[in-house]
Amino acid sequence: MFILLQVLTIIIAIAGDIIESSGYKMIKLLNLLQLSIEDKVLKQQLSEFASLVTELRPSLSVAGFFAVNRKLLPMLLSSFSAYIIILIQLKQ
């Protein structure tokens, strides 16, 4: 059961990382698209959409407290290690 939770945590963290990188790619593509379009109305709409995507960048988070991405994995590993060390010391 514990291994299953670890695997699910890793999968969710990688998915969060993919979502964040997709958001960055979308922002980059929108900015490049603005440069290639000559229609002023469409260019303005793309600019507004790019600023909206930049402001509301897609990411996974836990109730807004912290982001769920690959940076979460070392933090979880260190917390788990400290918890195990404390449990081992308390048993002795």
PDB file of N, CA and C in Angstrom:
ATOM      1  N   MET A   1       0.822  -1.195   0.000  1.00  0.00           N
ATOM      2  CA  MET A   1       0.000   0.000   0.000  1.00  0.00           C
ATOM      3  C   MET A   1       0.867   1.261   0.000  1.00  0.00           C
ATOM      4  N   PHE A   2       1.938   1.223   0.815  1.00  0.00           N
ATOM      5  CA  PHE A   2       2.813   2.386   0.913  1.00  0.00           C
ATOM      6  C   PHE A   2       3.525   2.639  -0.415  1.00  0.00           C
ATOM      7  N   ILE A   3       3.950   1.562  -1.074  1.00  0.00           N
ATOM      8  CA  ILE A   3       4.640   1.711  -2.357  1.00  0.00           C
ATOM      9  C   ILE A   3       3.684   2.276  -3.405  1.00  0.00           C
ATOM     10  N   LEU A   4       2.444   1.848  -3.363  1.00  0.00           N
ATOM     11  CA  LEU A   4       1.443   2.372  -4.295  1.00  0.00           C
ATOM     12  C   LEU A   4       1.253   3.877  -4.105  1.00  0.00           C
ATOM     13  N   LEU A   5       1.228   4.330  -2.859  1.00  0.00           N
ATOM     14  CA  LEU A   5       1.103   5.770  -2.596  1.00  0.00           C
ATOM     15  C   LEU A   5       2.315   6.535  -3.105  1.00  0.00           C
ATOM     16  N   GLN A   6       3.506   5.949  -2.958  1.00  0.00           N
ATOM     17  CA  GLN A   6       4.711   6.600  -3.468  1.00  0.00           C
ATOM     18  C   GLN A   6       4.662   6.720  -4.986  1.00  0.00           C
ATOM     19  N   VAL A   7       4.250   5.640  -5.639  1.00  0.00           N
ATOM     20  CA  VAL A   7       4.170   5.662  -7.098  1.00  0.00           C
ATOM     21  C   VAL A   7       3.142   6.693  -7.562  1.00  0.00           C
ATOM     22  N   LEU A   8       1.999   6.749  -6.917  1.00  0.00           N
ATOM     23  CA  LEU A   8       0.979   7.736  -7.284  1.00  0.00           C
ATOM     24  C   LEU A   8       1.465   9.165  -7.050  1.00  0.00           C
ATOM     25  N   THR A   9       2.201   9.381  -5.967  1.00  0.00           N
ATOM     26  CA  THR A   9       2.750  10.708  -5.694  1.00  0.00           C
ATOM     27  C   THR A   9       3.730  11.118  -6.776  1.00  0.00           C
ATOM     28  N   ILE A  10       4.580  10.193  -7.188  1.00  0.00           N
ATOM     29  CA  ILE A  10       5.547  10.492  -8.245  1.00  0.00           C
ATOM     30  C   ILE A  10       4.831  10.790  -9.554  1.00  0.00           C
ATOM     31  N   ILE A  11       3.815  10.015  -9.880  1.00  0.00           N
ATOM     32  CA  ILE A  11       3.069  10.236 -11.122  1.00  0.00           C
ATOM     33  C   ILE A  11       2.379  11.600 -11.102  1.00  0.00           C
ATOM     34  N   ILE A  12       1.775  11.954  -9.983  1.00  0.00           N
ATOM     35  CA  ILE A  12       1.097  13.253  -9.880  1.00  0.00           C
ATOM     36  C   ILE A  12       2.100  14.395  -9.953  1.00  0.00           C
ATOM     37  N   ALA A  13       3.271  14.229  -9.327  1.00  0.00           N
ATOM     38  CA  ALA A  13       4.294  15.275  -9.377  1.00  0.00           C
ATOM     39  C   ALA A  13       4.801  15.471 -10.801  1.00  0.00           C
ATOM     40  N   ILE A  14       5.010  14.386 -11.524  1.00  0.00           N
ATOM     41  CA  ILE A  14       5.459  14.500 -12.913  1.00  0.00           C
ATOM     42  C   ILE A  14       4.367  15.138 -13.771  1.00  0.00           C
ATOM     43  N   ALA A  15       3.111  14.784 -13.523  1.00  0.00           N
ATOM     44  CA  ALA A  15       2.005  15.398 -14.266  1.00  0.00           C
ATOM     45  C   ALA A  15       1.939  16.901 -14.002  1.00  0.00           C
ATOM     46  N   GLY A  16       2.150  17.308 -12.754  1.00  0.00           N
ATOM     47  CA  GLY A  16       2.172  18.735 -12.432  1.00  0.00           C
ATOM     48  C   GLY A  16       3.285  19.462 -13.153  1.00  0.00           C
ATOM     49  N   ASP A  17       4.442  18.806 -13.261  1.00  0.00           N
ATOM     50  CA  ASP A  17       5.570  19.392 -13.971  1.00  0.00           C
ATOM     51  C   ASP A  17       5.254  19.537 -15.463  1.00  0.00           C
ATOM     52  N   ILE A  18       4.601  18.542 -16.031  1.00  0.00           N
ATOM     53  CA  ILE A  18       4.222  18.597 -17.446  1.00  0.00           C
ATOM     54  C   ILE A  18       3.212  19.719 -17.685  1.00  0.00           C
ATOM     55  N   ILE A  19       2.276  19.896 -16.769  1.00  0.00           N
ATOM     56  CA  ILE A  19       1.285  20.967 -16.905  1.00  0.00           C
ATOM     57  C   ILE A  19       1.964  22.332 -16.868  1.00  0.00           C
ATOM     58  N   GLU A  20       2.912  22.513 -15.941  1.00  0.00           N
ATOM     59  CA  GLU A  20       3.618  23.798 -15.860  1.00  0.00           C
ATOM     60  C   GLU A  20       4.427  24.068 -17.119  1.00  0.00           C
ATOM     61  N   SER A  21       5.139  23.053 -17.617  1.00  0.00           N
ATOM     62  CA  SER A  21       5.947  23.266 -18.821  1.00  0.00           C
ATOM     63  C   SER A  21       5.063  23.525 -20.039  1.00  0.00           C
ATOM     64  N   SER A  22       3.890  22.911 -20.087  1.00  0.00           N
ATOM     65  CA  SER A  22       2.954  23.185 -21.187  1.00  0.00           C
ATOM     66  C   SER A  22       2.460  24.627 -21.130  1.00  0.00           C
ATOM     67  N   GLY A  23       2.241  25.137 -19.930  1.00  0.00           N
ATOM     68  CA  GLY A  23       1.846  26.538 -19.782  1.00  0.00           C
ATOM     69  C   GLY A  23       2.917  27.484 -20.289  1.00  0.00           C
ATOM     70  N   TYR A  24       4.183  27.188 -19.959  1.00  0.00           N
ATOM     71  CA  TYR A  24       5.281  28.024 -20.451  1.00  0.00           C
ATOM     72  C   TYR A  24       5.381  27.959 -21.975  1.00  0.00           C
ATOM     73  N   LYS A  25       5.184  26.757 -22.539  1.00  0.00           N
ATOM     74  CA  LYS A  25       5.235  26.615 -23.998  1.00  0.00           C
ATOM     75  C   LYS A  25       4.108  27.403 -24.661  1.00  0.00           C
ATOM     76  N   MET A  26       2.922  27.377 -24.050  1.00  0.00           N
ATOM     77  CA  MET A  26       1.792  28.110 -24.612  1.00  0.00           C
ATOM     78  C   MET A  26       2.070  29.609 -24.606  1.00  0.00           C
ATOM     79  N   ILE A  27       2.641  30.113 -23.530  1.00  0.00           N
ATOM     80  CA  ILE A  27       2.967  31.542 -23.454  1.00  0.00           C
ATOM     81  C   ILE A  27       3.977  31.908 -24.531  1.00  0.00           C
ATOM     82  N   LYS A  28       4.983  31.059 -24.699  1.00  0.00           N
ATOM     83  CA  LYS A  28       6.007  31.317 -25.715  1.00  0.00           C
ATOM     84  C   LYS A  28       5.399  31.308 -27.118  1.00  0.00           C
ATOM     85  N   LEU A  29       4.528  30.333 -27.395  1.00  0.00           N
ATOM     86  CA  LEU A  29       3.896  30.260 -28.712  1.00  0.00           C
ATOM     87  C   LEU A  29       2.977  31.451 -28.971  1.00  0.00           C
ATOM     88  N   LEU A  30       2.261  31.888 -27.951  1.00  0.00           N
ATOM     89  CA  LEU A  30       1.390  33.055 -28.129  1.00  0.00           C
ATOM     90  C   LEU A  30       2.201  34.306 -28.444  1.00  0.00           C
ATOM     91  N   ASN A  31       3.336  34.457 -27.773  1.00  0.00           N
ATOM     92  CA  ASN A  31       4.182  35.620 -28.047  1.00  0.00           C
ATOM     93  C   ASN A  31       4.777  35.555 -29.450  1.00  0.00           C
ATOM     94  N   LEU A  32       5.177  34.356 -29.892  1.00  0.00           N
ATOM     95  CA  LEU A  32       5.697  34.216 -31.254  1.00  0.00           C
ATOM     96  C   LEU A  32       4.609  34.458 -32.292  1.00  0.00           C
ATOM     97  N   LEU A  33       3.407  34.018 -31.995  1.00  0.00           N
ATOM     98  CA  LEU A  33       2.290  34.205 -32.916  1.00  0.00           C
ATOM     99  C   LEU A  33       1.936  35.686 -33.062  1.00  0.00           C
ATOM    100  N   GLN A  34       2.085  36.436 -31.994  1.00  0.00           N
ATOM    101  CA  GLN A  34       1.810  37.880 -32.057  1.00  0.00           C
ATOM    102  C   GLN A  34       2.743  38.570 -33.041  1.00  0.00           C
ATOM    103  N   LEU A  35       3.982  38.095 -33.093  1.00  0.00           N
ATOM    104  CA  LEU A  35       4.964  38.726 -33.980  1.00  0.00           C
ATOM    105  C   LEU A  35       4.671  38.457 -35.453  1.00  0.00           C
ATOM    106  N   SER A  36       4.052  37.312 -35.739  1.00  0.00           N
ATOM    107  CA  SER A  36       3.848  36.944 -37.143  1.00  0.00           C
ATOM    108  C   SER A  36       2.514  37.434 -37.718  1.00  0.00           C
ATOM    109  N   ILE A  37       1.626  37.942 -36.895  1.00  0.00           N
ATOM    110  CA  ILE A  37       0.305  38.381 -37.373  1.00  0.00           C
ATOM    111  C   ILE A  37       0.308  39.890 -37.571  1.00  0.00           C
ATOM    112  N   GLU A  38      -0.309  40.313 -38.676  1.00  0.00           N
ATOM    113  CA  GLU A  38      -0.334  41.738 -38.992  1.00  0.00           C
ATOM    114  C   GLU A  38      -1.666  42.406 -38.660  1.00  0.00           C
ATOM    115  N   ASP A  39      -2.720  41.632 -38.486  1.00  0.00           N
ATOM    116  CA  ASP A  39      -4.035  42.184 -38.148  1.00  0.00           C
ATOM    117  C   ASP A  39      -3.992  42.756 -36.726  1.00  0.00           C
ATOM    118  N   LYS A  40      -4.284  44.045 -36.593  1.00  0.00           N
ATOM    119  CA  LYS A  40      -4.142  44.716 -35.298  1.00  0.00           C
ATOM    120  C   LYS A  40      -5.141  44.209 -34.261  1.00  0.00           C
ATOM    121  N   VAL A  41      -6.358  43.911 -34.682  1.00  0.00           N
ATOM    122  CA  VAL A  41      -7.379  43.434 -33.740  1.00  0.00           C
ATOM    123  C   VAL A  41      -6.990  42.059 -33.205  1.00  0.00           C
ATOM    124  N   LEU A  42      -6.592  41.185 -34.107  1.00  0.00           N
ATOM    125  CA  LEU A  42      -6.182  39.842 -33.700  1.00  0.00           C
ATOM    126  C   LEU A  42      -4.922  39.889 -32.841  1.00  0.00           C
ATOM    127  N   LYS A  43      -4.013  40.784 -33.188  1.00  0.00           N
ATOM    128  CA  LYS A  43      -2.782  40.935 -32.409  1.00  0.00           C
ATOM    129  C   LYS A  43      -3.100  41.411 -30.988  1.00  0.00           C
ATOM    130  N   GLN A  44      -4.062  42.327 -30.852  1.00  0.00           N
ATOM    131  CA  GLN A  44      -4.477  42.816 -29.533  1.00  0.00           C
ATOM    132  C   GLN A  44      -5.120  41.699 -28.724  1.00  0.00           C
ATOM    133  N   GLN A  45      -5.967  40.896 -29.379  1.00  0.00           N
ATOM    134  CA  GLN A  45      -6.608  39.778 -28.681  1.00  0.00           C
ATOM    135  C   GLN A  45      -5.582  38.743 -28.235  1.00  0.00           C
ATOM    136  N   LEU A  46      -4.599  38.468 -29.081  1.00  0.00           N
ATOM    137  CA  LEU A  46      -3.536  37.533 -28.704  1.00  0.00           C
ATOM    138  C   LEU A  46      -2.719  38.075 -27.539  1.00  0.00           C
ATOM    139  N   SER A  47      -2.484  39.371 -27.553  1.00  0.00           N
ATOM    140  CA  SER A  47      -1.745  39.995 -26.457  1.00  0.00           C
ATOM    141  C   SER A  47      -2.507  39.872 -25.143  1.00  0.00           C
ATOM    142  N   GLU A  48      -3.805  40.122 -25.187  1.00  0.00           N
ATOM    143  CA  GLU A  48      -4.619  39.996 -23.974  1.00  0.00           C
ATOM    144  C   GLU A  48      -4.681  38.547 -23.493  1.00  0.00           C
ATOM    145  N   PHE A  49      -4.806  37.619 -24.439  1.00  0.00           N
ATOM    146  CA  PHE A  49      -4.850  36.202 -24.068  1.00  0.00           C
ATOM    147  C   PHE A  49      -3.512  35.753 -23.487  1.00  0.00           C
ATOM    148  N   ALA A  50      -2.405  36.228 -24.072  1.00  0.00           N
ATOM    149  CA  ALA A  50      -1.079  35.877 -23.559  1.00  0.00           C
ATOM    150  C   ALA A  50      -0.881  36.414 -22.146  1.00  0.00           C
ATOM    151  N   SER A  51      -1.348  37.633 -21.895  1.00  0.00           N
ATOM    152  CA  SER A  51      -1.206  38.184 -20.545  1.00  0.00           C
ATOM    153  C   SER A  51      -2.097  37.440 -19.552  1.00  0.00           C
ATOM    154  N   LEU A  52      -3.270  37.001 -20.004  1.00  0.00           N
ATOM    155  CA  LEU A  52      -4.157  36.218 -19.144  1.00  0.00           C
ATOM    156  C   LEU A  52      -3.532  34.866 -18.804  1.00  0.00           C
ATOM    157  N   VAL A  53      -2.965  34.203 -19.804  1.00  0.00           N
ATOM    158  CA  VAL A  53      -2.320  32.907 -19.563  1.00  0.00           C
ATOM    159  C   VAL A  53      -1.095  33.081 -18.668  1.00  0.00           C
ATOM    160  N   THR A  54      -0.366  34.175 -18.845  1.00  0.00           N
ATOM    161  CA  THR A  54       0.797  34.435 -17.994  1.00  0.00           C
ATOM    162  C   THR A  54       0.370  34.656 -16.552  1.00  0.00           C
ATOM    163  N   GLU A  55      -0.711  35.401 -16.373  1.00  0.00           N
ATOM    164  CA  GLU A  55      -1.196  35.688 -15.021  1.00  0.00           C
ATOM    165  C   GLU A  55      -1.784  34.451 -14.353  1.00  0.00           C
ATOM    166  N   LEU A  56      -2.529  33.669 -15.099  1.00  0.00           N
ATOM    167  CA  LEU A  56      -3.192  32.479 -14.562  1.00  0.00           C
ATOM    168  C   LEU A  56      -2.509  31.214 -15.076  1.00  0.00           C
ATOM    169  N   ARG A  57      -1.202  31.193 -14.966  1.00  0.00           N
ATOM    170  CA  ARG A  57      -0.409  30.080 -15.489  1.00  0.00           C
ATOM    171  C   ARG A  57      -0.907  28.747 -14.945  1.00  0.00           C
ATOM    172  N   PRO A  58      -1.126  27.765 -15.815  1.00  0.00           N
ATOM    173  CA  PRO A  58      -1.637  26.473 -15.343  1.00  0.00           C
ATOM    174  C   PRO A  58      -0.615  25.735 -14.490  1.00  0.00           C
ATOM    175  N   SER A  59      -1.058  25.248 -13.343  1.00  0.00           N
ATOM    176  CA  SER A  59      -0.193  24.455 -12.467  1.00  0.00           C
ATOM    177  C   SER A  59      -1.069  23.675 -11.497  1.00  0.00           C
ATOM    178  N   LEU A  60      -0.507  22.608 -10.966  1.00  0.00           N
ATOM    179  CA  LEU A  60      -1.189  21.832  -9.935  1.00  0.00           C
ATOM    180  C   LEU A  60      -0.724  22.329  -8.580  1.00  0.00           C
ATOM    181  N   SER A  61      -1.655  22.505  -7.673  1.00  0.00           N
ATOM    182  CA  SER A  61      -1.277  22.896  -6.319  1.00  0.00           C
ATOM    183  C   SER A  61      -2.199  22.206  -5.329  1.00  0.00           C
ATOM    184  N   VAL A  62      -1.740  22.146  -4.102  1.00  0.00           N
ATOM    185  CA  VAL A  62      -2.537  21.547  -3.033  1.00  0.00           C
ATOM    186  C   VAL A  62      -3.248  22.682  -2.315  1.00  0.00           C
ATOM    187  N   ALA A  63      -4.482  22.926  -2.708  1.00  0.00           N
ATOM    188  CA  ALA A  63      -5.333  23.973  -2.133  1.00  0.00           C
ATOM    189  C   ALA A  63      -4.638  25.333  -2.123  1.00  0.00           C
ATOM    190  N   GLY A  64      -3.741  25.560  -3.088  1.00  0.00           N
ATOM    191  CA  GLY A  64      -3.045  26.827  -3.183  1.00  0.00           C
ATOM    192  C   GLY A  64      -1.881  26.984  -2.216  1.00  0.00           C
ATOM    193  N   PHE A  65      -1.579  25.964  -1.413  1.00  0.00           N
ATOM    194  CA  PHE A  65      -0.500  26.069  -0.434  1.00  0.00           C
ATOM    195  C   PHE A  65       0.874  25.875  -1.070  1.00  0.00           C
ATOM    196  N   PHE A  66       1.034  24.845  -1.890  1.00  0.00           N
ATOM    197  CA  PHE A  66       2.308  24.623  -2.567  1.00  0.00           C
ATOM    198  C   PHE A  66       2.051  23.916  -3.889  1.00  0.00           C
ATOM    199  N   ALA A  67       2.992  24.122  -4.804  1.00  0.00           N
ATOM    200  CA  ALA A  67       2.855  23.537  -6.139  1.00  0.00           C
ATOM    201  C   ALA A  67       3.245  22.068  -6.114  1.00  0.00           C
ATOM    202  N   VAL A  68       2.551  21.289  -6.912  1.00  0.00           N
ATOM    203  CA  VAL A  68       2.863  19.869  -7.047  1.00  0.00           C
ATOM    204  C   VAL A  68       3.615  19.703  -8.360  1.00  0.00           C
ATOM    205  N   ASN A  69       4.932  19.530  -8.254  1.00  0.00           N
ATOM    206  CA  ASN A  69       5.774  19.296  -9.417  1.00  0.00           C
ATOM    207  C   ASN A  69       6.989  18.485  -8.974  1.00  0.00           C
ATOM    208  N   ARG A  70       7.985  18.379  -9.820  1.00  0.00           N
ATOM    209  CA  ARG A  70       9.148  17.546  -9.483  1.00  0.00           C
ATOM    210  C   ARG A  70       9.935  18.093  -8.300  1.00  0.00           C
ATOM    211  N   LYS A  71       9.808  19.359  -8.010  1.00  0.00           N
ATOM    212  CA  LYS A  71      10.499  19.936  -6.853  1.00  0.00           C
ATOM    213  C   LYS A  71       9.928  19.404  -5.543  1.00  0.00           C
ATOM    214  N   LEU A  72       8.737  18.853  -5.604  1.00  0.00           N
ATOM    215  CA  LEU A  72       8.090  18.308  -4.417  1.00  0.00           C
ATOM    216  C   LEU A  72       8.733  16.995  -3.971  1.00  0.00           C
ATOM    217  N   LEU A  73       9.263  16.217  -4.905  1.00  0.00           N
ATOM    218  CA  LEU A  73       9.786  14.889  -4.587  1.00  0.00           C
ATOM    219  C   LEU A  73      10.947  14.915  -3.589  1.00  0.00           C
ATOM    220  N   PRO A  74      11.983  15.757  -3.768  1.00  0.00           N
ATOM    221  CA  PRO A  74      13.046  15.786  -2.750  1.00  0.00           C
ATOM    222  C   PRO A  74      12.545  16.242  -1.379  1.00  0.00           C
ATOM    223  N   MET A  75      11.585  17.153  -1.380  1.00  0.00           N
ATOM    224  CA  MET A  75      11.024  17.621  -0.115  1.00  0.00           C
ATOM    225  C   MET A  75      10.305  16.480   0.604  1.00  0.00           C
ATOM    226  N   LEU A  76       9.535  15.695  -0.141  1.00  0.00           N
ATOM    227  CA  LEU A  76       8.852  14.552   0.461  1.00  0.00           C
ATOM    228  C   LEU A  76       9.845  13.506   0.951  1.00  0.00           C
ATOM    229  N   LEU A  77      10.884  13.264   0.175  1.00  0.00           N
ATOM    230  CA  LEU A  77      11.891  12.278   0.557  1.00  0.00           C
ATOM    231  C   LEU A  77      12.616  12.693   1.830  1.00  0.00           C
ATOM    232  N   SER A  78      12.975  13.957   1.944  1.00  0.00           N
ATOM    233  CA  SER A  78      13.672  14.409   3.150  1.00  0.00           C
ATOM    234  C   SER A  78      12.751  14.372   4.368  1.00  0.00           C
ATOM    235  N   SER A  79      11.497  14.732   4.189  1.00  0.00           N
ATOM    236  CA  SER A  79      10.549  14.668   5.310  1.00  0.00           C
ATOM    237  C   SER A  79      10.325  13.234   5.757  1.00  0.00           C
ATOM    238  N   PHE A  80      10.183  12.336   4.792  1.00  0.00           N
ATOM    239  CA  PHE A  80       9.986  10.927   5.115  1.00  0.00           C
ATOM    240  C   PHE A  80      11.214  10.356   5.823  1.00  0.00           C
ATOM    241  N   SER A  81      12.413  10.713   5.361  1.00  0.00           N
ATOM    242  CA  SER A  81      13.648  10.229   5.991  1.00  0.00           C
ATOM    243  C   SER A  81      13.751  10.719   7.429  1.00  0.00           C
ATOM    244  N   ALA A  82      13.462  11.992   7.646  1.00  0.00           N
ATOM    245  CA  ALA A  82      13.528  12.530   9.005  1.00  0.00           C
ATOM    246  C   ALA A  82      12.512  11.838   9.909  1.00  0.00           C
ATOM    247  N   TYR A  83      11.333  11.574   9.392  1.00  0.00           N
ATOM    248  CA  TYR A  83      10.291  10.894  10.162  1.00  0.00           C
ATOM    249  C   TYR A  83      10.730   9.483  10.539  1.00  0.00           C
ATOM    250  N   ILE A  84      11.317   8.755   9.606  1.00  0.00           N
ATOM    251  CA  ILE A  84      11.793   7.391   9.874  1.00  0.00           C
ATOM    252  C   ILE A  84      12.915   7.410  10.902  1.00  0.00           C
ATOM    253  N   ILE A  85      13.839   8.353  10.793  1.00  0.00           N
ATOM    254  CA  ILE A  85      14.950   8.444  11.754  1.00  0.00           C
ATOM    255  C   ILE A  85      14.413   8.717  13.152  1.00  0.00           C
ATOM    256  N   ILE A  86      13.452   9.610  13.266  1.00  0.00           N
ATOM    257  CA  ILE A  86      12.862   9.909  14.580  1.00  0.00           C
ATOM    258  C   ILE A  86      12.158   8.685  15.138  1.00  0.00           C
ATOM    259  N   LEU A  87      11.426   7.955  14.309  1.00  0.00           N
ATOM    260  CA  LEU A  87      10.753   6.741  14.777  1.00  0.00           C
ATOM    261  C   LEU A  87      11.748   5.689  15.249  1.00  0.00           C
ATOM    262  N   ILE A  88      12.837   5.534  14.529  1.00  0.00           N
ATOM    263  CA  ILE A  88      13.863   4.553  14.925  1.00  0.00           C
ATOM    264  C   ILE A  88      14.485   4.956  16.253  1.00  0.00           C
ATOM    265  N   GLN A  89      14.768   6.233  16.432  1.00  0.00           N
ATOM    266  CA  GLN A  89      15.374   6.688  17.681  1.00  0.00           C
ATOM    267  C   GLN A  89      14.410   6.546  18.855  1.00  0.00           C
ATOM    268  N   LEU A  90      13.134   6.749  18.640  1.00  0.00           N
ATOM    269  CA  LEU A  90      12.170   6.623  19.729  1.00  0.00           C
ATOM    270  C   LEU A  90      11.959   5.165  20.143  1.00  0.00           C
ATOM    271  N   LYS A  91      12.157   4.227  19.238  1.00  0.00           N
ATOM    272  CA  LYS A  91      12.001   2.816  19.570  1.00  0.00           C
ATOM    273  C   LYS A  91      13.139   2.323  20.456  1.00  0.00           C
ATOM    274  N   GLN A  92      14.294   2.949  20.374  1.00  0.00           N
ATOM    275  CA  GLN A  92      15.453   2.486  21.156  1.00  0.00           C
ATOM    276  C   GLN A  92      15.412   2.965  22.544  1.00  0.00           C
TER     277      GLN A  92
END
